[in-house]
Amino acid sequence: MAAEPARERSSSAGYLSIGQVLARLSPEFPGLSASKLRFLESQGIVTPVRTESSYRKYSPADLERVRLALTLQRDHFMPHSVIRDFLNERDAGGDAGVPTAAPPSIVATGRRYRRDELLHTSGATAKLLDDAVSAGLVPAAESYADQSVATLRALVALDRHGIEPRHLRSMRQSAERDVALIASALAPLLRRTDGASRTRGAELAPELAKRLDEVRAVFVRTALEKLLD
């Protein structure tokens, strides 16, 4: 009966159990838990081997991969998908520099634009910008973020076809309803005070927004097919 455990000990020599990984990394990452390690595995960030008894065993390379993933998440607020792609590219021998990531927010921060810079960059007229502000599509501000440039560029293109900012108020209201829906879905995470939960909420928010956009796109395509049929 002792042969199987002995065989497992031999095959996993030099490997670490979940408890040993936690013992090594917890001083640096106090919030680390067994469930967090299993979550990293589900995200494809680390793939421990399994013994014949189905226990997880982590190699020294796995340990360093987990350490780097946790560091990128903690110090750079990086989504798991970005961490996974970065680690995979690095392990494949690619020259992967550490990617940049936004702080835990759906909208990344970037450079700021004065009003004249915003008009020049987007190609919008002053009237179009004023109409966009009145419709609540662009914030009234002394300086503007990158998303205002993207919004105005889209409005310029729509304006050529007679679609004005005032026609899009309902889209802004729909976006606000989407945010409320996402906030409700993430409430259990966002109510927690630990950094891991807040980071997980920040990762899930844009994913949920993307799924809502996908559903909306299907509705629009279906309606267009009926219109053009």
C-alpha atoms as a PDB file:
ATOM      1  CA  MET A   1       0.000   0.000   0.000  1.00  0.00           C
ATOM      2  CA  ALA A   2       2.949   2.333   0.577  1.00  0.00           C
ATOM      3  CA  ALA A   3       4.166   1.939  -3.002  1.00  0.00           C
ATOM      4  CA  GLU A   4       1.770   4.485  -4.499  1.00  0.00           C
ATOM      5  CA  PRO A   5       2.563   7.321  -2.035  1.00  0.00           C
ATOM      6  CA  ALA A   6       6.261   6.568  -2.463  1.00  0.00           C
ATOM      7  CA  ARG A   7       5.882   6.746  -6.241  1.00  0.00           C
ATOM      8  CA  GLU A   8       4.079  10.074  -5.916  1.00  0.00           C
ATOM      9  CA  ARG A   9       6.800  11.460  -3.640  1.00  0.00           C
ATOM     10  CA  SER A  10       9.423  10.437  -6.176  1.00  0.00           C
ATOM     11  CA  SER A  11       7.593  11.904  -9.174  1.00  0.00           C
ATOM     12  CA  SER A  12       6.985  15.218  -7.400  1.00  0.00           C
ATOM     13  CA  ALA A  13      10.460  15.630  -5.914  1.00  0.00           C
ATOM     14  CA  GLY A  14      11.395  19.304  -5.939  1.00  0.00           C
ATOM     15  CA  TYR A  15       7.771  20.355  -6.337  1.00  0.00           C
ATOM     16  CA  LEU A  16       5.742  22.296  -3.806  1.00  0.00           C
ATOM     17  CA  SER A  17       2.261  21.739  -2.434  1.00  0.00           C
ATOM     18  CA  ILE A  18      -0.283  24.562  -2.229  1.00  0.00           C
ATOM     19  CA  GLY A  19       0.559  24.942   1.461  1.00  0.00           C
ATOM     20  CA  GLN A  20       4.264  25.290   0.705  1.00  0.00           C
ATOM     21  CA  VAL A  21       3.597  27.862  -2.019  1.00  0.00           C
ATOM     22  CA  LEU A  22       1.488  29.860   0.432  1.00  0.00           C
ATOM     23  CA  ALA A  23       4.229  29.636   3.059  1.00  0.00           C
ATOM     24  CA  ARG A  24       6.790  31.024   0.617  1.00  0.00           C
ATOM     25  CA  LEU A  25       4.692  33.781  -0.912  1.00  0.00           C
ATOM     26  CA  SER A  26       2.402  34.921   1.912  1.00  0.00           C
ATOM     27  CA  PRO A  27       5.037  37.147   3.553  1.00  0.00           C
ATOM     28  CA  GLU A  28       5.216  39.116   0.301  1.00  0.00           C
ATOM     29  CA  PHE A  29       1.499  38.780  -0.540  1.00  0.00           C
ATOM     30  CA  PRO A  30      -0.431  38.624   2.753  1.00  0.00           C
ATOM     31  CA  GLY A  31      -3.815  38.244   1.043  1.00  0.00           C
ATOM     32  CA  LEU A  32      -2.793  35.129  -0.873  1.00  0.00           C
ATOM     33  CA  SER A  33      -4.958  32.060  -0.291  1.00  0.00           C
ATOM     34  CA  ALA A  34      -5.438  28.567  -1.695  1.00  0.00           C
ATOM     35  CA  SER A  35      -8.562  29.747  -3.513  1.00  0.00           C
ATOM     36  CA  LYS A  36      -6.542  32.561  -5.107  1.00  0.00           C
ATOM     37  CA  LEU A  37      -3.991  30.037  -6.375  1.00  0.00           C
ATOM     38  CA  ARG A  38      -6.783  27.895  -7.798  1.00  0.00           C
ATOM     39  CA  PHE A  39      -8.247  30.985  -9.448  1.00  0.00           C
ATOM     40  CA  LEU A  40      -4.899  31.785 -11.095  1.00  0.00           C
ATOM     41  CA  GLU A  41      -4.915  28.236 -12.411  1.00  0.00           C
ATOM     42  CA  SER A  42      -8.435  28.669 -13.832  1.00  0.00           C
ATOM     43  CA  GLN A  43      -7.207  31.801 -15.638  1.00  0.00           C
ATOM     44  CA  GLY A  44      -4.370  29.880 -17.295  1.00  0.00           C
ATOM     45  CA  ILE A  45      -1.684  31.823 -15.460  1.00  0.00           C
ATOM     46  CA  VAL A  46      -0.164  28.756 -13.829  1.00  0.00           C
ATOM     47  CA  THR A  47      -0.639  25.035 -14.517  1.00  0.00           C
ATOM     48  CA  PRO A  48       0.572  22.884 -11.647  1.00  0.00           C
ATOM     49  CA  VAL A  49       1.046  19.172 -12.246  1.00  0.00           C
ATOM     50  CA  ARG A  50      -1.297  16.714 -10.569  1.00  0.00           C
ATOM     51  CA  THR A  51      -0.245  13.655  -8.633  1.00  0.00           C
ATOM     52  CA  GLU A  52      -2.030  10.329  -9.035  1.00  0.00           C
ATOM     53  CA  SER A  53      -4.100  11.354  -6.026  1.00  0.00           C
ATOM     54  CA  SER A  54      -4.947  14.621  -7.832  1.00  0.00           C
ATOM     55  CA  TYR A  55      -2.962  16.870  -5.512  1.00  0.00           C
ATOM     56  CA  ARG A  56      -1.540  20.026  -7.108  1.00  0.00           C
ATOM     57  CA  LYS A  57       2.235  20.312  -7.223  1.00  0.00           C
ATOM     58  CA  TYR A  58       4.071  23.498  -8.208  1.00  0.00           C
ATOM     59  CA  SER A  59       7.509  23.536  -9.810  1.00  0.00           C
ATOM     60  CA  PRO A  60      10.062  26.254  -9.006  1.00  0.00           C
ATOM     61  CA  ALA A  61       9.129  27.842 -12.366  1.00  0.00           C
ATOM     62  CA  ASP A  62       5.456  27.773 -11.350  1.00  0.00           C
ATOM     63  CA  LEU A  63       6.351  29.493  -8.089  1.00  0.00           C
ATOM     64  CA  GLU A  64       8.164  32.306  -9.904  1.00  0.00           C
ATOM     65  CA  ARG A  65       5.317  32.598 -12.402  1.00  0.00           C
ATOM     66  CA  VAL A  66       2.823  33.028  -9.554  1.00  0.00           C
ATOM     67  CA  ARG A  67       5.111  35.550  -7.834  1.00  0.00           C
ATOM     68  CA  LEU A  68       5.427  37.622 -11.003  1.00  0.00           C
ATOM     69  CA  ALA A  69       1.688  37.426 -11.719  1.00  0.00           C
ATOM     70  CA  LEU A  70       0.849  38.634  -8.212  1.00  0.00           C
ATOM     71  CA  THR A  71       3.412  41.428  -8.478  1.00  0.00           C
ATOM     72  CA  LEU A  72       1.994  42.653 -11.797  1.00  0.00           C
ATOM     73  CA  GLN A  73      -1.509  42.559 -10.389  1.00  0.00           C
ATOM     74  CA  ARG A  74      -0.588  44.325  -7.157  1.00  0.00           C
ATOM     75  CA  ASP A  75       1.777  46.977  -8.510  1.00  0.00           C
ATOM     76  CA  HIS A  76       0.284  47.588 -11.961  1.00  0.00           C
ATOM     77  CA  PHE A  77      -3.394  46.646 -11.447  1.00  0.00           C
ATOM     78  CA  MET A  78      -3.023  44.414 -14.482  1.00  0.00           C
ATOM     79  CA  PRO A  79      -5.913  42.204 -15.685  1.00  0.00           C
ATOM     80  CA  HIS A  80      -5.356  38.466 -15.565  1.00  0.00           C
ATOM     81  CA  SER A  81      -5.726  38.146 -19.343  1.00  0.00           C
ATOM     82  CA  VAL A  82      -2.861  40.614 -19.900  1.00  0.00           C
ATOM     83  CA  ILE A  83      -0.724  38.876 -17.271  1.00  0.00           C
ATOM     84  CA  ARG A  84      -1.346  35.489 -18.892  1.00  0.00           C
ATOM     85  CA  ASP A  85      -0.417  36.708 -22.373  1.00  0.00           C
ATOM     86  CA  PHE A  86       2.708  38.424 -21.056  1.00  0.00           C
ATOM     87  CA  LEU A  87       3.880  35.340 -19.163  1.00  0.00           C
ATOM     88  CA  ASN A  88       3.178  33.027 -22.095  1.00  0.00           C
ATOM     89  CA  GLU A  89       5.128  35.250 -24.475  1.00  0.00           C
ATOM     90  CA  ARG A  90       8.018  35.465 -22.038  1.00  0.00           C
ATOM     91  CA  ASP A  91       8.071  31.688 -21.494  1.00  0.00           C
ATOM     92  CA  ALA A  92       8.029  31.140 -25.269  1.00  0.00           C
ATOM     93  CA  GLY A  93      11.256  33.113 -25.518  1.00  0.00           C
ATOM     94  CA  GLY A  94       9.742  36.354 -26.757  1.00  0.00           C
ATOM     95  CA  ASP A  95      11.189  39.717 -25.795  1.00  0.00           C
ATOM     96  CA  ALA A  96       8.169  40.681 -23.720  1.00  0.00           C
ATOM     97  CA  GLY A  97       8.575  43.959 -21.912  1.00  0.00           C
ATOM     98  CA  VAL A  98       6.365  44.485 -18.887  1.00  0.00           C
ATOM     99  CA  PRO A  99       3.049  45.723 -20.311  1.00  0.00           C
ATOM    100  CA  THR A 100       1.379  48.805 -18.958  1.00  0.00           C
ATOM    101  CA  ALA A 101      -2.087  48.720 -17.533  1.00  0.00           C
ATOM    102  CA  ALA A 102      -4.640  51.165 -16.272  1.00  0.00           C
ATOM    103  CA  PRO A 103      -5.477  51.543 -12.606  1.00  0.00           C
ATOM    104  CA  PRO A 104      -8.572  49.635 -11.486  1.00  0.00           C
ATOM    105  CA  SER A 105     -11.084  51.514 -13.558  1.00  0.00           C
ATOM    106  CA  ILE A 106     -13.051  50.785 -16.706  1.00  0.00           C
ATOM    107  CA  VAL A 107     -11.668  53.907 -18.375  1.00  0.00           C
ATOM    108  CA  ALA A 108      -7.916  54.332 -18.567  1.00  0.00           C
ATOM    109  CA  THR A 109      -6.336  57.673 -17.852  1.00  0.00           C
ATOM    110  CA  GLY A 110      -4.151  59.327 -20.510  1.00  0.00           C
ATOM    111  CA  ARG A 111      -3.147  62.765 -21.726  1.00  0.00           C
ATOM    112  CA  ARG A 112      -5.450  65.741 -21.374  1.00  0.00           C
ATOM    113  CA  TYR A 113      -6.559  68.030 -24.220  1.00  0.00           C
ATOM    114  CA  ARG A 114      -7.440  71.693 -24.140  1.00  0.00           C
ATOM    115  CA  ARG A 115     -10.602  72.686 -26.005  1.00  0.00           C
ATOM    116  CA  ASP A 116      -8.693  73.845 -29.079  1.00  0.00           C
ATOM    117  CA  GLU A 117      -6.567  70.675 -29.057  1.00  0.00           C
ATOM    118  CA  LEU A 118      -9.680  68.548 -28.756  1.00  0.00           C
ATOM    119  CA  LEU A 119     -11.313  70.235 -31.758  1.00  0.00           C
ATOM    120  CA  HIS A 120      -8.160  69.973 -33.844  1.00  0.00           C
ATOM    121  CA  THR A 121      -7.488  66.317 -32.979  1.00  0.00           C
ATOM    122  CA  SER A 122     -11.061  65.152 -33.466  1.00  0.00           C
ATOM    123  CA  GLY A 123     -11.896  67.293 -36.502  1.00  0.00           C
ATOM    124  CA  ALA A 124     -15.053  68.544 -34.789  1.00  0.00           C
ATOM    125  CA  THR A 125     -16.513  72.023 -35.016  1.00  0.00           C
ATOM    126  CA  ALA A 126     -17.050  74.142 -31.928  1.00  0.00           C
ATOM    127  CA  LYS A 127     -20.819  73.803 -32.408  1.00  0.00           C
ATOM    128  CA  LEU A 128     -20.616  70.011 -32.530  1.00  0.00           C
ATOM    129  CA  LEU A 129     -18.624  69.985 -29.302  1.00  0.00           C
ATOM    130  CA  ASP A 130     -21.110  72.331 -27.624  1.00  0.00           C
ATOM    131  CA  ASP A 131     -23.999  70.142 -28.787  1.00  0.00           C
ATOM    132  CA  ALA A 132     -22.218  67.049 -27.494  1.00  0.00           C
ATOM    133  CA  VAL A 133     -21.726  68.676 -24.100  1.00  0.00           C
ATOM    134  CA  SER A 134     -25.391  69.747 -24.009  1.00  0.00           C
ATOM    135  CA  ALA A 135     -26.473  66.182 -24.802  1.00  0.00           C
ATOM    136  CA  GLY A 136     -24.269  64.801 -22.034  1.00  0.00           C
ATOM    137  CA  LEU A 137     -22.070  62.870 -24.461  1.00  0.00           C
ATOM    138  CA  VAL A 138     -18.898  64.799 -23.594  1.00  0.00           C
ATOM    139  CA  PRO A 139     -18.252  66.259 -20.129  1.00  0.00           C
ATOM    140  CA  ALA A 140     -18.139  70.005 -19.632  1.00  0.00           C
ATOM    141  CA  ALA A 141     -14.540  70.534 -18.565  1.00  0.00           C
ATOM    142  CA  GLU A 142     -11.482  72.717 -18.962  1.00  0.00           C
ATOM    143  CA  SER A 143      -9.518  69.771 -20.326  1.00  0.00           C
ATOM    144  CA  TYR A 144     -10.575  66.511 -21.965  1.00  0.00           C
ATOM    145  CA  ALA A 145      -9.425  62.900 -21.874  1.00  0.00           C
ATOM    146  CA  ASP A 146      -8.720  60.510 -24.751  1.00  0.00           C
ATOM    147  CA  GLN A 147     -12.245  59.111 -24.618  1.00  0.00           C
ATOM    148  CA  SER A 148     -13.610  62.571 -25.465  1.00  0.00           C
ATOM    149  CA  VAL A 149     -11.479  62.564 -28.608  1.00  0.00           C
ATOM    150  CA  ALA A 150     -12.836  59.148 -29.593  1.00  0.00           C
ATOM    151  CA  THR A 151     -16.409  60.239 -28.893  1.00  0.00           C
ATOM    152  CA  LEU A 152     -16.082  63.416 -30.939  1.00  0.00           C
ATOM    153  CA  ARG A 153     -14.508  61.581 -33.869  1.00  0.00           C
ATOM    154  CA  ALA A 154     -17.476  59.230 -33.916  1.00  0.00           C
ATOM    155  CA  LEU A 155     -19.870  62.171 -33.682  1.00  0.00           C
ATOM    156  CA  VAL A 156     -18.142  63.864 -36.627  1.00  0.00           C
ATOM    157  CA  ALA A 157     -18.715  60.757 -38.744  1.00  0.00           C
ATOM    158  CA  LEU A 158     -22.351  60.460 -37.634  1.00  0.00           C
ATOM    159  CA  ASP A 159     -22.990  64.150 -38.207  1.00  0.00           C
ATOM    160  CA  ARG A 160     -22.159  63.708 -41.907  1.00  0.00           C
ATOM    161  CA  HIS A 161     -25.241  61.491 -42.117  1.00  0.00           C
ATOM    162  CA  GLY A 162     -27.524  63.784 -40.166  1.00  0.00           C
ATOM    163  CA  ILE A 163     -27.209  61.987 -36.835  1.00  0.00           C
ATOM    164  CA  GLU A 164     -26.718  64.735 -34.271  1.00  0.00           C
ATOM    165  CA  PRO A 165     -25.650  64.571 -30.611  1.00  0.00           C
ATOM    166  CA  ARG A 166     -29.205  65.258 -29.453  1.00  0.00           C
ATOM    167  CA  HIS A 167     -30.283  62.044 -31.170  1.00  0.00           C
ATOM    168  CA  LEU A 168     -27.921  60.045 -28.973  1.00  0.00           C
ATOM    169  CA  ARG A 169     -29.145  61.047 -25.517  1.00  0.00           C
ATOM    170  CA  SER A 170     -30.881  57.685 -25.185  1.00  0.00           C
ATOM    171  CA  MET A 171     -27.551  55.923 -25.787  1.00  0.00           C
ATOM    172  CA  ARG A 172     -25.997  57.790 -22.870  1.00  0.00           C
ATOM    173  CA  GLN A 173     -28.950  56.851 -20.688  1.00  0.00           C
ATOM    174  CA  SER A 174     -28.615  53.241 -21.815  1.00  0.00           C
ATOM    175  CA  ALA A 175     -24.916  53.315 -20.881  1.00  0.00           C
ATOM    176  CA  GLU A 176     -25.819  54.601 -17.431  1.00  0.00           C
ATOM    177  CA  ARG A 177     -28.262  51.721 -17.022  1.00  0.00           C
ATOM    178  CA  ASP A 178     -25.519  49.303 -18.088  1.00  0.00           C
ATOM    179  CA  VAL A 179     -23.185  50.712 -15.441  1.00  0.00           C
ATOM    180  CA  ALA A 180     -25.891  50.362 -12.806  1.00  0.00           C
ATOM    181  CA  LEU A 181     -26.419  46.753 -13.881  1.00  0.00           C
ATOM    182  CA  ILE A 182     -22.691  46.018 -13.701  1.00  0.00           C
ATOM    183  CA  ALA A 183     -22.416  47.735 -10.313  1.00  0.00           C
ATOM    184  CA  SER A 184     -25.238  45.552  -9.001  1.00  0.00           C
ATOM    185  CA  ALA A 185     -23.566  42.395 -10.322  1.00  0.00           C
ATOM    186  CA  LEU A 186     -20.224  43.336  -8.759  1.00  0.00           C
ATOM    187  CA  ALA A 187     -21.637  44.623  -5.469  1.00  0.00           C
ATOM    188  CA  PRO A 188     -20.531  41.548  -3.456  1.00  0.00           C
ATOM    189  CA  LEU A 189     -16.926  42.140  -4.584  1.00  0.00           C
ATOM    190  CA  LEU A 190     -16.947  45.911  -4.325  1.00  0.00           C
ATOM    191  CA  ARG A 191     -18.295  45.822  -0.777  1.00  0.00           C
ATOM    192  CA  ARG A 192     -15.175  44.003   0.363  1.00  0.00           C
ATOM    193  CA  THR A 193     -12.190  46.007   1.527  1.00  0.00           C
ATOM    194  CA  ASP A 194      -9.378  43.614   0.568  1.00  0.00           C
ATOM    195  CA  GLY A 195      -7.286  44.539  -2.455  1.00  0.00           C
ATOM    196  CA  ALA A 196      -7.798  41.202  -4.213  1.00  0.00           C
ATOM    197  CA  SER A 197     -11.579  41.639  -4.309  1.00  0.00           C
ATOM    198  CA  ARG A 198     -11.321  45.212  -5.542  1.00  0.00           C
ATOM    199  CA  THR A 199      -8.863  44.168  -8.240  1.00  0.00           C
ATOM    200  CA  ARG A 200     -11.108  41.290  -9.289  1.00  0.00           C
ATOM    201  CA  GLY A 201     -14.034  43.717  -9.533  1.00  0.00           C
ATOM    202  CA  ALA A 202     -11.941  46.029 -11.701  1.00  0.00           C
ATOM    203  CA  GLU A 203     -11.142  43.129 -14.021  1.00  0.00           C
ATOM    204  CA  LEU A 204     -14.720  41.916 -14.291  1.00  0.00           C
ATOM    205  CA  ALA A 205     -16.276  45.335 -14.950  1.00  0.00           C
ATOM    206  CA  PRO A 206     -14.883  45.794 -18.491  1.00  0.00           C
ATOM    207  CA  GLU A 207     -15.546  42.128 -19.265  1.00  0.00           C
ATOM    208  CA  LEU A 208     -19.220  42.550 -18.340  1.00  0.00           C
ATOM    209  CA  ALA A 209     -19.396  45.789 -20.323  1.00  0.00           C
ATOM    210  CA  LYS A 210     -17.980  43.960 -23.340  1.00  0.00           C
ATOM    211  CA  ARG A 211     -20.595  41.206 -23.052  1.00  0.00           C
ATOM    212  CA  LEU A 212     -23.383  43.768 -22.855  1.00  0.00           C
ATOM    213  CA  ASP A 213     -21.980  45.432 -25.990  1.00  0.00           C
ATOM    214  CA  GLU A 214     -21.949  42.060 -27.755  1.00  0.00           C
ATOM    215  CA  VAL A 215     -25.609  41.442 -26.904  1.00  0.00           C
ATOM    216  CA  ARG A 216     -26.527  44.954 -28.032  1.00  0.00           C
ATOM    217  CA  ALA A 217     -24.640  44.458 -31.306  1.00  0.00           C
ATOM    218  CA  VAL A 218     -26.643  41.305 -31.994  1.00  0.00           C
ATOM    219  CA  PHE A 219     -29.896  43.204 -31.479  1.00  0.00           C
ATOM    220  CA  VAL A 220     -28.751  45.989 -33.824  1.00  0.00           C
ATOM    221  CA  ARG A 221     -27.629  43.544 -36.532  1.00  0.00           C
ATOM    222  CA  THR A 222     -30.914  41.651 -36.316  1.00  0.00           C
ATOM    223  CA  ALA A 223     -32.904  44.861 -36.622  1.00  0.00           C
ATOM    224  CA  LEU A 224     -30.773  46.012 -39.571  1.00  0.00           C
ATOM    225  CA  GLU A 225     -31.316  42.713 -41.354  1.00  0.00           C
ATOM    226  CA  LYS A 226     -35.067  43.220 -41.028  1.00  0.00           C
ATOM    227  CA  LEU A 227     -34.740  46.804 -42.251  1.00  0.00           C
ATOM    228  CA  LEU A 228     -32.693  45.849 -45.318  1.00  0.00           C
ATOM    229  CA  ASP A 229     -34.564  42.648 -46.128  1.00  0.00           C
END
